[in-house]
Amino acid sequence: MEKGLIKCTIENLSFSLKWKNFLNTELVNIKQLNKIDENNTIKKSSKSILR
């Protein structure tokens, strides 16, 4: 009975760790995308000013 509980807990921990890593990488991707968007907007606005 206890062994089953421990195994279950370990599986849950590894799952939540994987999930945490996944979320962290997703957050980084989103931040990078936002940076790219900002850069593009800045470039576009500076081009329109130059024209």
Protein backbone atom coordinates (compact mmCIF):
# COMPACT_ATOMS: atom_id res chain seq x y z
CA MET A 1 0.00 0.00 0.00
CA GLU A 2 2.67 2.52 1.01
CA LYS A 3 4.91 1.61 -1.93
CA GLY A 4 2.06 2.38 -4.30
CA LEU A 5 1.58 5.77 -2.64
CA ILE A 6 5.27 6.62 -2.92
CA LYS A 7 5.37 5.57 -6.56
CA CYS A 8 2.32 7.72 -7.22
CA THR A 9 3.90 10.74 -5.54
CA ILE A 10 7.13 10.32 -7.50
CA GLU A 11 5.18 10.10 -10.77
CA ASN A 12 3.23 13.23 -9.85
CA LEU A 13 6.44 15.07 -9.01
CA SER A 14 8.13 14.17 -12.27
CA PHE A 15 4.97 15.14 -14.14
CA SER A 16 4.75 18.52 -12.44
CA LEU A 17 8.45 19.11 -13.09
CA LYS A 18 7.97 18.37 -16.78
CA TRP A 19 4.95 20.67 -16.80
CA LYS A 20 6.93 23.41 -15.04
CA ASN A 21 9.76 23.10 -17.59
CA PHE A 22 7.25 23.21 -20.41
CA LEU A 23 5.61 26.34 -19.01
CA ASN A 24 8.97 28.00 -18.49
CA THR A 25 10.04 27.36 -22.08
CA GLU A 26 6.67 28.56 -23.33
CA LEU A 27 7.02 31.75 -21.29
CA VAL A 28 10.47 32.34 -22.75
CA ASN A 29 9.10 31.79 -26.25
CA ILE A 30 6.28 34.24 -25.62
CA LYS A 31 8.72 36.85 -24.28
CA GLN A 32 10.93 36.41 -27.34
CA LEU A 33 7.94 36.74 -29.65
CA ASN A 34 6.92 39.94 -27.85
CA LYS A 35 10.43 41.31 -28.29
CA ILE A 36 10.32 40.51 -32.01
CA ASP A 37 6.92 42.22 -32.26
CA GLU A 38 8.25 45.28 -30.47
CA ASN A 39 11.27 45.42 -32.78
CA ASN A 40 9.07 45.12 -35.86
CA THR A 41 6.74 47.83 -34.63
CA ILE A 42 9.66 50.11 -33.87
CA LYS A 43 11.14 49.48 -37.34
CA LYS A 44 7.79 50.09 -39.02
CA SER A 45 7.15 53.31 -37.12
CA SER A 46 10.66 54.59 -37.80
CA LYS A 47 10.23 53.81 -41.51
CA SER A 48 6.98 55.73 -41.63
CA ILE A 49 8.68 58.66 -39.88
CA LEU A 50 11.56 58.56 -42.37
CA ARG A 51 9.14 58.66 -45.30
